[in-house]
Every structure is written in structure tokens, then in C-alpha cells.
Amino acid sequence: MRYGELKTSLAGIATNLLADRLRTMEANGVVERRLDDTGVVYGLTPWGAALREPMEALGRWGVPLLESGRGDDAFRPRWLTLALPALLRGVTAAPAVELGIETDGFLMTLRIDEDGPSAYVPMERPGTVLTASPDGVVALAVGAITVDQVLADGAFHGDVKILRSAFPPGR
């Protein structure tokens, strides 16, 4: 991921703080900095990537706590870029599908391919976008509500087949 993409996905972070955190994570072997045709790219090292499974497992463990909604708990919509791939683990699609999800003014792209789900902050608005509350997106991801129910409460633009592929019934 490029520095600018990281800065965009971490809205509000000071550039000096982001640079300091990247240096610290690089020094500790969590991320590595590489050069490609267009400049500097940051990526997880194998050791850093190994943290994904315990973090996703912790998120799945906490699903029962999500059923009551977030209430007064702090929430940042960008946290869904980590939560949705964990909650949708095991969902695959061939060919790949990309779905924009907009909640509380934050837009992310959920991509599901043969390897499973991933999420990121897009540079451009995807062609298919679901706009819903954070609670609605989480409820859809954990199977507490259906695609039809989220469509009744949210807004949608694009191909509904993509939305149904991303959130298949009975998973």
C-alpha cells in the first residue's frame, strides 16, 4: 500500500505520526518498504501477516456481542475494512466481485475472489455501492439480516447480483 493510501484510510492521522509508526513497524519487522515502478510501497512481512489470523479470530469470537448493536460504544466506519473480511471468512467468488460499502460518510470496497474477502479504501467510487448504517452492514455480514432487509433500510446503486454474491444466504 502506498503512503497516500494509508494516509487516506487513516483519516485524521498526522503525517509525522504515520511516518513514525511506519518506521517503528519496519524496524520491528512488521512491515517492509519496497520500491516498485511508481514509488514506495508498504506491505506486511510474513511475520506481520501472521497477525491477521488471531485478529480475525478475535473478531469472530466477539460476534455475539454485536447482536445488540453498538449502543454508545465508539465506532469508526473504517474499522469495517478489517472486520468484514474476518466476518465473511470462507465466502469466495469466481469471477471476483467488488462492492462499495458506504457508511457514515466512509466509502470502502469489499472484494471477494477465489481466495476470499478483502477490503480497502478505493481511489475511485465503485460502480456498485451499498449505503447503509454500520449496524446494518455488520448485521448483514454476520447473517442476522438478509440482503432484502438491508436494501429496505439502506440505499443501493448498481448490480444487486454483486451484493448477493458478497453476502450469500446461509453462510
Protein backbone atom coordinates (compact mmCIF):
# COMPACT_ATOMS: atom_id res chain seq x y z
CA MET A 1 0.00 0.00 0.00
CA ARG A 2 1.28 3.47 -0.77
CA TYR A 3 1.80 6.15 1.86
CA GLY A 4 -1.01 8.25 0.36
CA GLU A 5 -3.42 5.30 0.51
CA LEU A 6 -2.50 4.72 4.15
CA LYS A 7 -2.99 8.42 4.90
CA THR A 8 -6.41 8.35 3.21
CA SER A 9 -7.53 5.24 5.05
CA LEU A 10 -6.43 6.70 8.41
CA ALA A 11 -8.31 9.98 8.15
CA GLY A 12 -7.17 12.48 10.73
CA ILE A 13 -3.76 10.97 11.46
CA ALA A 14 -0.92 13.47 11.44
CA THR A 15 1.65 12.78 8.72
CA ASN A 16 4.52 12.79 11.22
CA LEU A 17 2.69 10.23 13.40
CA LEU A 18 2.01 7.95 10.42
CA ALA A 19 5.63 8.20 9.28
CA ASP A 20 6.83 7.44 12.83
CA ARG A 21 4.52 4.42 13.14
CA LEU A 22 5.65 3.05 9.78
CA ARG A 23 9.32 3.45 10.78
CA THR A 24 8.66 1.66 14.08
CA MET A 25 6.77 -1.20 12.41
CA GLU A 26 9.51 -1.51 9.79
CA ALA A 27 12.22 -1.57 12.47
CA ASN A 28 10.30 -4.28 14.33
CA GLY A 29 9.79 -6.45 11.24
CA VAL A 30 6.03 -5.98 10.93
CA VAL A 31 6.06 -4.08 7.61
CA GLU A 32 8.57 -3.71 4.82
CA ARG A 33 9.14 -0.86 2.41
CA ARG A 34 9.75 -1.71 -1.25
CA LEU A 35 10.20 0.25 -4.45
CA ASP A 36 8.12 -0.54 -7.50
CA ASP A 37 7.62 1.25 -10.85
CA THR A 38 5.62 4.05 -9.22
CA GLY A 39 7.46 4.59 -5.94
CA VAL A 40 7.49 3.34 -2.37
CA VAL A 41 5.05 0.61 -1.35
CA TYR A 42 4.50 -0.69 2.17
CA GLY A 43 3.44 -4.25 2.85
CA LEU A 44 3.25 -6.69 5.70
CA THR A 45 6.18 -9.00 6.24
CA PRO A 46 5.33 -12.68 6.66
CA TRP A 47 5.56 -12.14 10.43
CA GLY A 48 3.23 -9.11 10.22
CA ALA A 49 0.77 -11.01 8.03
CA ALA A 50 0.66 -13.79 10.63
CA LEU A 51 -1.16 -11.37 12.94
CA ARG A 52 -4.20 -11.42 10.63
CA GLU A 53 -5.50 -14.80 11.80
CA PRO A 54 -5.51 -14.05 15.56
CA MET A 55 -7.08 -10.64 14.93
CA GLU A 56 -9.79 -12.13 12.70
CA ALA A 57 -10.39 -14.93 15.22
CA LEU A 58 -10.87 -12.35 17.97
CA GLY A 59 -13.36 -10.50 15.78
CA ARG A 60 -15.34 -13.68 15.06
CA TRP A 61 -15.26 -14.56 18.77
CA GLY A 62 -16.92 -11.22 19.56
CA VAL A 63 -19.80 -11.63 17.07
CA PRO A 64 -22.36 -12.49 19.79
CA LEU A 65 -21.59 -9.13 21.38
CA LEU A 66 -22.56 -7.38 18.14
CA GLU A 67 -26.15 -8.63 18.15
CA SER A 68 -27.32 -5.86 20.46
CA GLY A 69 -25.80 -3.18 18.22
CA ARG A 70 -23.07 -0.73 19.12
CA GLY A 71 -25.13 1.37 21.52
CA ASP A 72 -22.88 4.10 22.93
CA ASP A 73 -19.65 2.29 22.01
CA ALA A 74 -17.12 4.21 19.93
CA PHE A 75 -17.13 3.26 16.27
CA ARG A 76 -15.17 4.35 13.25
CA PRO A 77 -16.51 3.18 9.89
CA ARG A 78 -13.00 2.40 8.60
CA TRP A 79 -12.83 -0.42 11.17
CA LEU A 80 -15.12 -2.33 8.81
CA THR A 81 -12.19 -2.78 6.41
CA LEU A 82 -10.75 -5.19 8.97
CA ALA A 83 -13.99 -6.60 10.35
CA LEU A 84 -15.80 -7.55 7.14
CA PRO A 85 -13.12 -9.89 5.73
CA ALA A 86 -12.99 -11.63 9.12
CA LEU A 87 -16.78 -11.93 9.36
CA LEU A 88 -17.08 -13.16 5.76
CA ARG A 89 -14.25 -15.69 6.01
CA GLY A 90 -14.99 -18.65 3.76
CA VAL A 91 -17.04 -16.64 1.25
CA THR A 92 -15.46 -16.85 -2.22
CA ALA A 93 -16.43 -15.70 -5.69
CA ALA A 94 -15.26 -16.62 -9.16
CA PRO A 95 -15.20 -14.37 -11.02
CA ALA A 96 -14.26 -11.80 -8.40
CA VAL A 97 -16.81 -9.21 -7.26
CA GLU A 98 -16.22 -5.74 -5.88
CA LEU A 99 -18.84 -3.95 -3.83
CA GLY A 100 -18.62 -0.44 -2.46
CA ILE A 101 -19.96 -0.06 1.07
CA GLU A 102 -20.67 3.42 2.34
CA THR A 103 -21.50 4.02 5.98
CA ASP A 104 -21.43 7.24 7.99
CA GLY A 105 -19.80 9.02 5.03
CA PHE A 106 -16.95 6.50 4.72
CA LEU A 107 -16.55 4.50 1.49
CA MET A 108 -14.71 1.21 1.29
CA THR A 109 -14.54 -1.56 -1.30
CA LEU A 110 -15.19 -5.15 -0.36
CA ARG A 111 -13.53 -7.51 -2.85
CA ILE A 112 -14.32 -11.19 -2.87
CA ASP A 113 -12.41 -13.55 -5.14
CA GLU A 114 -11.38 -17.20 -5.17
CA ASP A 115 -9.12 -16.56 -2.15
CA GLY A 116 -11.89 -14.95 -0.09
CA PRO A 117 -12.73 -11.43 1.06
CA SER A 118 -10.52 -8.38 1.43
CA ALA A 119 -11.36 -4.72 1.90
CA TYR A 120 -9.67 -1.42 1.17
CA VAL A 121 -10.28 2.29 0.72
CA PRO A 122 -10.79 2.84 -3.03
CA MET A 123 -9.21 5.61 -5.06
CA GLU A 124 -12.39 5.78 -7.19
CA ARG A 125 -16.04 5.11 -6.39
CA PRO A 126 -17.03 1.56 -7.40
CA GLY A 127 -19.94 1.01 -9.80
CA THR A 128 -21.96 -0.95 -7.23
CA VAL A 129 -22.43 0.67 -3.82
CA LEU A 130 -24.50 -0.22 -0.77
CA THR A 131 -25.15 2.68 1.59
CA ALA A 132 -26.31 1.51 4.99
CA SER A 133 -25.84 2.11 8.70
CA PRO A 134 -22.82 0.49 10.37
CA ASP A 135 -25.17 -1.73 12.39
CA GLY A 136 -26.91 -2.79 9.16
CA VAL A 137 -23.63 -3.68 7.46
CA VAL A 138 -22.45 -5.72 10.45
CA ALA A 139 -25.84 -7.44 10.80
CA LEU A 140 -25.71 -8.37 7.12
CA ALA A 141 -22.15 -9.68 7.45
CA VAL A 142 -22.99 -11.91 10.45
CA GLY A 143 -26.20 -13.18 8.83
CA ALA A 144 -28.57 -11.51 11.31
CA ILE A 145 -30.41 -9.81 8.42
CA THR A 146 -30.83 -10.62 4.74
CA VAL A 147 -29.83 -8.68 1.65
CA ASP A 148 -33.52 -7.79 1.14
CA GLN A 149 -33.73 -6.39 4.67
CA VAL A 150 -30.63 -4.22 4.27
CA LEU A 151 -31.95 -3.00 0.90
CA ALA A 152 -35.22 -1.97 2.58
CA ASP A 153 -33.34 0.17 5.12
CA GLY A 154 -30.44 1.47 3.02
CA ALA A 155 -29.70 2.81 -0.44
CA PHE A 156 -28.22 0.83 -3.29
CA HIS A 157 -26.80 1.61 -6.71
CA GLY A 158 -25.58 -0.99 -9.17
CA ASP A 159 -25.88 -4.71 -9.76
CA VAL A 160 -27.77 -6.49 -6.97
CA LYS A 161 -26.14 -9.79 -8.05
CA ILE A 162 -22.84 -8.43 -6.74
CA LEU A 163 -24.42 -7.65 -3.37
CA ARG A 164 -25.97 -11.14 -3.18
CA SER A 165 -22.62 -12.74 -4.13
CA ALA A 166 -20.87 -10.86 -1.34
CA PHE A 167 -23.46 -11.82 1.28
CA PRO A 168 -24.83 -15.24 0.29
CA PRO A 169 -27.65 -16.67 2.44
CA GLY A 170 -26.90 -19.46 4.87
CA ARG A 171 -23.17 -18.90 5.26
